[in-house]
N, C-alpha and C. Protein backbone atom coordinates (compact mmCIF):
# COMPACT_ATOMS: atom_id res chain seq x y z
N MET A 1 -118.34 -66.95 -26.53
CA MET A 1 -118.33 -66.26 -27.76
C MET A 1 -118.93 -64.71 -27.59
N LYS A 2 -118.80 -63.61 -28.37
CA LYS A 2 -119.19 -62.32 -27.98
C LYS A 2 -119.66 -61.62 -29.23
N LEU A 3 -121.11 -61.36 -29.06
CA LEU A 3 -121.80 -60.57 -30.08
C LEU A 3 -122.14 -59.38 -29.81
N VAL A 4 -122.15 -58.63 -30.88
CA VAL A 4 -122.92 -57.11 -30.54
C VAL A 4 -124.06 -57.16 -31.76
N ALA A 5 -125.11 -56.49 -31.54
CA ALA A 5 -126.26 -56.00 -32.33
C ALA A 5 -126.72 -54.74 -32.45
N VAL A 6 -127.22 -54.26 -33.55
CA VAL A 6 -128.25 -52.98 -33.45
C VAL A 6 -129.28 -53.68 -34.14
N THR A 7 -130.64 -53.09 -33.45
CA THR A 7 -131.87 -53.37 -33.93
C THR A 7 -132.46 -51.92 -34.05
N ALA A 8 -133.17 -51.99 -35.35
CA ALA A 8 -133.82 -50.63 -35.24
C ALA A 8 -134.91 -51.20 -36.49
N CYS A 9 -136.08 -50.37 -36.36
CA CYS A 9 -137.22 -50.54 -37.28
C CYS A 9 -137.81 -49.29 -37.81
N PRO A 10 -138.64 -49.37 -38.92
CA PRO A 10 -139.17 -48.10 -39.51
C PRO A 10 -139.58 -47.01 -38.49
N SER A 11 -140.72 -47.66 -37.84
CA SER A 11 -141.43 -46.59 -36.71
C SER A 11 -140.37 -46.47 -35.38
N GLY A 12 -139.50 -47.20 -35.22
CA GLY A 12 -138.66 -46.96 -34.04
C GLY A 12 -139.23 -47.12 -32.69
N VAL A 13 -140.27 -48.11 -32.77
CA VAL A 13 -140.77 -48.37 -31.53
C VAL A 13 -140.80 -49.67 -30.97
N ALA A 14 -141.72 -50.27 -31.10
CA ALA A 14 -141.90 -51.78 -30.73
C ALA A 14 -140.95 -52.58 -30.99
N HIS A 15 -140.97 -52.71 -32.03
CA HIS A 15 -139.88 -53.86 -32.90
C HIS A 15 -138.55 -53.60 -32.61
N THR A 16 -138.39 -52.22 -32.56
CA THR A 16 -136.95 -52.03 -32.33
C THR A 16 -136.36 -52.58 -31.13
N TYR A 17 -137.21 -52.64 -30.08
CA TYR A 17 -137.04 -52.83 -28.66
C TYR A 17 -137.45 -54.37 -28.40
N MET A 18 -138.34 -54.98 -28.93
CA MET A 18 -138.65 -56.54 -28.75
C MET A 18 -137.48 -57.35 -29.47
N ALA A 19 -137.06 -56.74 -30.47
CA ALA A 19 -135.86 -57.44 -31.16
C ALA A 19 -134.60 -57.56 -30.39
N ALA A 20 -134.13 -56.50 -29.53
CA ALA A 20 -133.37 -56.42 -28.93
C ALA A 20 -133.54 -57.30 -27.44
N GLY A 21 -134.70 -57.19 -27.00
CA GLY A 21 -135.13 -58.42 -25.90
C GLY A 21 -135.06 -59.63 -26.23
N GLY A 22 -135.24 -60.31 -27.50
CA GLY A 22 -135.27 -61.45 -28.51
C GLY A 22 -133.84 -62.09 -28.46
N LEU A 23 -132.97 -61.16 -28.89
CA LEU A 23 -131.58 -61.35 -29.09
C LEU A 23 -130.81 -61.76 -27.87
N ARG A 24 -131.15 -60.80 -26.68
CA ARG A 24 -130.74 -61.17 -25.54
C ARG A 24 -131.13 -62.37 -24.82
N LYS A 25 -132.42 -62.28 -24.95
CA LYS A 25 -132.89 -63.55 -24.54
C LYS A 25 -132.33 -65.01 -24.87
N ALA A 26 -132.22 -65.12 -25.95
CA ALA A 26 -131.61 -66.10 -27.02
C ALA A 26 -129.77 -66.25 -26.36
N ALA A 27 -129.52 -65.11 -26.80
CA ALA A 27 -128.00 -65.16 -26.11
C ALA A 27 -127.84 -65.78 -24.49
N GLU A 28 -128.46 -65.14 -23.72
CA GLU A 28 -128.59 -65.93 -22.38
C GLU A 28 -128.80 -67.18 -22.30
N LYS A 29 -129.50 -67.91 -23.19
CA LYS A 29 -130.15 -69.16 -23.18
C LYS A 29 -128.82 -70.11 -23.49
N TYR A 30 -127.90 -69.58 -24.54
CA TYR A 30 -126.80 -70.42 -25.25
C TYR A 30 -125.30 -70.01 -24.51
N GLY A 31 -125.41 -68.96 -23.87
CA GLY A 31 -124.22 -68.73 -22.80
C GLY A 31 -123.52 -67.93 -23.52
N VAL A 32 -123.91 -66.93 -24.63
CA VAL A 32 -123.21 -65.98 -25.05
C VAL A 32 -123.35 -64.47 -24.83
N GLU A 33 -122.19 -63.74 -24.51
CA GLU A 33 -121.88 -62.41 -24.04
C GLU A 33 -122.76 -61.33 -25.48
N ILE A 34 -123.32 -60.81 -25.13
CA ILE A 34 -124.02 -59.85 -26.26
C ILE A 34 -124.39 -58.30 -25.63
N HIS A 35 -124.12 -57.59 -26.62
CA HIS A 35 -124.34 -56.26 -26.09
C HIS A 35 -125.24 -55.65 -27.41
N VAL A 36 -126.29 -54.97 -27.02
CA VAL A 36 -127.35 -54.59 -28.21
C VAL A 36 -127.46 -52.96 -28.21
N GLU A 37 -127.46 -52.43 -29.24
CA GLU A 37 -127.63 -50.99 -29.05
C GLU A 37 -128.76 -51.27 -29.90
N THR A 38 -130.09 -50.06 -29.70
CA THR A 38 -131.21 -49.62 -29.94
C THR A 38 -131.31 -48.33 -30.89
N GLN A 39 -131.75 -48.49 -31.80
CA GLN A 39 -131.88 -46.97 -33.04
C GLN A 39 -133.25 -46.88 -32.89
N GLY A 40 -133.98 -46.32 -32.01
CA GLY A 40 -135.64 -46.25 -32.13
C GLY A 40 -135.91 -45.07 -32.21
N SER A 41 -137.39 -44.37 -31.76
CA SER A 41 -137.63 -43.20 -32.15
C SER A 41 -137.18 -42.05 -31.25
N ILE A 42 -136.53 -42.76 -30.29
CA ILE A 42 -135.96 -41.79 -29.17
C ILE A 42 -134.57 -41.53 -29.51
N GLY A 43 -133.73 -41.98 -30.47
CA GLY A 43 -132.60 -42.17 -30.83
C GLY A 43 -132.07 -43.43 -30.54
N ILE A 44 -130.45 -43.14 -30.27
CA ILE A 44 -129.55 -44.16 -29.79
C ILE A 44 -129.39 -44.52 -28.62
N GLU A 45 -129.70 -45.96 -27.91
CA GLU A 45 -129.56 -45.92 -26.48
C GLU A 45 -128.93 -47.35 -26.64
N GLY A 46 -127.90 -47.56 -25.36
CA GLY A 46 -126.90 -48.35 -25.16
C GLY A 46 -125.91 -48.30 -26.40
N GLU A 47 -125.55 -47.24 -26.89
CA GLU A 47 -124.33 -47.28 -27.75
C GLU A 47 -123.30 -48.00 -27.37
N LEU A 48 -123.02 -48.84 -28.45
CA LEU A 48 -121.66 -49.93 -28.60
C LEU A 48 -120.28 -48.94 -28.36
N THR A 49 -119.56 -49.56 -27.47
CA THR A 49 -118.70 -49.08 -27.39
C THR A 49 -117.62 -49.57 -28.40
N PRO A 50 -116.28 -48.81 -28.53
CA PRO A 50 -115.38 -49.59 -29.51
C PRO A 50 -115.01 -50.61 -28.88
N GLU A 51 -114.68 -50.78 -27.58
CA GLU A 51 -114.21 -52.14 -27.07
C GLU A 51 -115.09 -53.23 -27.31
N GLN A 52 -116.37 -53.20 -26.99
CA GLN A 52 -117.32 -54.15 -27.27
C GLN A 52 -117.38 -54.62 -28.73
N ILE A 53 -116.96 -53.57 -29.64
CA ILE A 53 -117.07 -53.82 -30.87
C ILE A 53 -115.58 -54.75 -31.77
N VAL A 54 -114.86 -54.02 -30.99
CA VAL A 54 -113.45 -55.01 -31.31
C VAL A 54 -113.60 -56.38 -30.80
N GLU A 55 -113.85 -56.57 -29.65
CA GLU A 55 -113.94 -57.81 -28.98
C GLU A 55 -115.07 -58.89 -29.35
N ALA A 56 -116.38 -58.39 -30.23
CA ALA A 56 -116.96 -59.07 -30.58
C ALA A 56 -116.48 -60.20 -31.65
N ASP A 57 -117.21 -61.45 -31.87
CA ASP A 57 -116.77 -62.32 -32.86
C ASP A 57 -117.63 -62.01 -34.05
N ALA A 58 -118.88 -61.26 -34.08
CA ALA A 58 -119.61 -61.13 -35.02
C ALA A 58 -120.77 -60.01 -34.84
N VAL A 59 -121.33 -59.34 -35.73
CA VAL A 59 -122.47 -58.32 -35.64
C VAL A 59 -123.65 -58.78 -36.08
N ILE A 60 -124.89 -58.54 -35.35
CA ILE A 60 -125.92 -58.89 -36.00
C ILE A 60 -126.80 -57.45 -36.17
N LEU A 61 -127.09 -56.96 -37.21
CA LEU A 61 -127.75 -55.82 -37.71
C LEU A 61 -129.21 -56.11 -38.12
N THR A 62 -130.36 -55.43 -37.76
CA THR A 62 -131.49 -55.64 -38.42
C THR A 62 -131.42 -54.98 -39.92
N ASN A 63 -132.36 -55.20 -40.71
CA ASN A 63 -132.07 -55.04 -42.20
C ASN A 63 -133.55 -54.24 -42.40
N ASN A 64 -134.25 -54.06 -41.55
CA ASN A 64 -135.66 -53.36 -41.88
C ASN A 64 -135.59 -51.70 -42.15
N ILE A 65 -134.20 -51.32 -41.80
CA ILE A 65 -133.87 -49.95 -42.15
C ILE A 65 -132.69 -49.68 -41.90
N GLY A 66 -132.26 -48.74 -42.33
CA GLY A 66 -130.58 -48.52 -42.53
C GLY A 66 -130.17 -48.17 -41.12
N ILE A 67 -128.88 -48.62 -40.58
CA ILE A 67 -128.50 -48.41 -39.37
C ILE A 67 -127.32 -47.55 -39.59
N LYS A 68 -127.53 -46.56 -38.47
CA LYS A 68 -126.57 -45.46 -38.37
C LYS A 68 -125.29 -45.88 -38.10
N HIS A 69 -124.01 -45.26 -38.66
CA HIS A 69 -122.87 -45.40 -38.10
C HIS A 69 -122.39 -46.75 -38.29
N GLU A 70 -122.80 -47.41 -39.40
CA GLU A 70 -122.50 -49.11 -39.92
C GLU A 70 -121.24 -49.21 -39.90
N GLU A 71 -120.67 -47.97 -40.43
CA GLU A 71 -118.98 -48.09 -40.93
C GLU A 71 -118.11 -48.70 -39.65
N ARG A 72 -118.74 -48.84 -38.28
CA ARG A 72 -118.01 -49.06 -37.14
C ARG A 72 -117.72 -50.42 -37.41
N PHE A 73 -118.15 -51.20 -37.89
CA PHE A 73 -118.31 -52.72 -38.11
C PHE A 73 -117.39 -53.28 -38.96
N THR A 74 -116.88 -52.47 -39.98
CA THR A 74 -115.80 -53.02 -40.93
C THR A 74 -115.13 -53.99 -40.56
N GLY A 75 -114.92 -54.97 -41.50
CA GLY A 75 -113.97 -56.07 -41.10
C GLY A 75 -114.62 -57.18 -40.46
N LYS A 76 -115.83 -56.93 -39.93
CA LYS A 76 -116.30 -58.17 -38.71
C LYS A 76 -117.49 -58.82 -39.44
N PRO A 77 -117.79 -59.77 -39.04
CA PRO A 77 -118.52 -60.67 -40.10
C PRO A 77 -119.86 -60.14 -39.82
N ILE A 78 -120.65 -59.86 -40.60
CA ILE A 78 -122.18 -59.21 -40.26
C ILE A 78 -123.39 -59.91 -40.76
N ILE A 79 -124.34 -60.45 -39.96
CA ILE A 79 -125.45 -61.20 -40.14
C ILE A 79 -126.61 -60.15 -39.89
N ARG A 80 -127.23 -60.11 -41.32
CA ARG A 80 -128.55 -59.05 -41.34
C ARG A 80 -129.86 -60.10 -41.26
N VAL A 81 -130.66 -59.61 -40.34
CA VAL A 81 -132.00 -60.19 -39.88
C VAL A 81 -133.13 -59.39 -39.83
N GLY A 82 -134.29 -59.64 -40.03
CA GLY A 82 -135.26 -58.83 -39.80
C GLY A 82 -135.89 -58.59 -38.20
N ALA A 83 -136.35 -57.53 -37.72
CA ALA A 83 -136.41 -57.27 -36.53
C ALA A 83 -137.32 -58.52 -36.02
N SER A 84 -138.57 -58.67 -36.90
CA SER A 84 -139.53 -59.80 -36.60
C SER A 84 -138.70 -61.28 -36.13
N ASP A 85 -137.77 -61.54 -36.93
CA ASP A 85 -136.86 -62.57 -37.03
C ASP A 85 -136.34 -62.48 -35.58
N CYS A 86 -135.50 -61.42 -35.46
CA CYS A 86 -135.10 -61.56 -33.83
C CYS A 86 -135.93 -61.66 -32.72
N ILE A 87 -137.19 -61.20 -32.77
CA ILE A 87 -138.05 -61.47 -31.80
C ILE A 87 -138.74 -63.04 -31.93
N ALA A 88 -139.33 -63.48 -33.12
CA ALA A 88 -139.51 -64.82 -33.17
C ALA A 88 -138.52 -65.99 -33.19
N LYS A 89 -137.54 -65.51 -33.59
CA LYS A 89 -136.66 -66.59 -34.00
C LYS A 89 -135.03 -66.42 -33.47
N GLY A 90 -134.99 -65.61 -32.19
CA GLY A 90 -133.62 -65.10 -32.00
C GLY A 90 -132.54 -66.22 -31.34
N GLY A 91 -133.21 -67.55 -31.13
CA GLY A 91 -132.68 -68.60 -30.74
C GLY A 91 -131.72 -69.09 -31.82
N SER A 92 -132.90 -69.32 -32.91
CA SER A 92 -131.94 -69.49 -34.28
C SER A 92 -131.24 -69.21 -34.86
N ILE A 93 -131.03 -67.43 -34.89
CA ILE A 93 -130.26 -66.58 -35.17
C ILE A 93 -128.92 -66.91 -34.36
N VAL A 94 -128.84 -66.79 -33.23
CA VAL A 94 -127.93 -67.21 -32.47
C VAL A 94 -126.77 -68.60 -32.45
N LYS A 95 -127.99 -69.48 -32.60
CA LYS A 95 -127.22 -70.92 -32.57
C LYS A 95 -126.45 -70.55 -34.47
N THR A 96 -127.25 -70.13 -35.33
CA THR A 96 -126.81 -69.85 -36.61
C THR A 96 -125.00 -69.45 -36.65
N VAL A 97 -125.13 -68.29 -35.90
CA VAL A 97 -123.98 -67.62 -35.82
C VAL A 97 -122.86 -68.43 -35.19
N MET A 98 -123.51 -69.14 -34.23
CA MET A 98 -122.46 -69.86 -33.28
C MET A 98 -121.80 -70.89 -34.10
N LYS A 99 -122.74 -71.62 -35.17
CA LYS A 99 -122.56 -72.59 -35.96
C LYS A 99 -121.34 -72.05 -37.13
N LYS A 100 -121.58 -71.23 -37.70
CA LYS A 100 -120.87 -70.58 -38.75
C LYS A 100 -119.56 -70.20 -38.04
N LEU A 101 -119.66 -69.64 -36.93
CA LEU A 101 -117.95 -69.48 -36.34
C LEU A 101 -117.17 -70.39 -35.75
N GLY A 102 -118.17 -71.57 -35.74
CA GLY A 102 -117.50 -72.74 -35.28
C GLY A 102 -117.27 -72.91 -33.76
N LYS A 103 -118.00 -72.13 -33.00
CA LYS A 103 -118.14 -71.86 -31.18
C LYS A 103 -119.30 -73.17 -30.87
């Protein structure tokens, strides 16, 4: 299974990057390929490529603040979660996505 994610928070500092780390750690634990873009205070880092988006089975977006260029994900299943949930419950989020997609 392949996922893409975009993490962002209002201040664009710690939670943005901690959320990305939480999702990466959870994906690794469950054998899921994930690419995470951060939209922090210094701008967009690790920008998702069109190929990564096309190949993704689903998209995880944090819902603490608007995600820039969200139209890139039209037609993909989108899961919206809080940045703090990505940090504390990354495993649950990845498992839920896997279950919903039958993976």
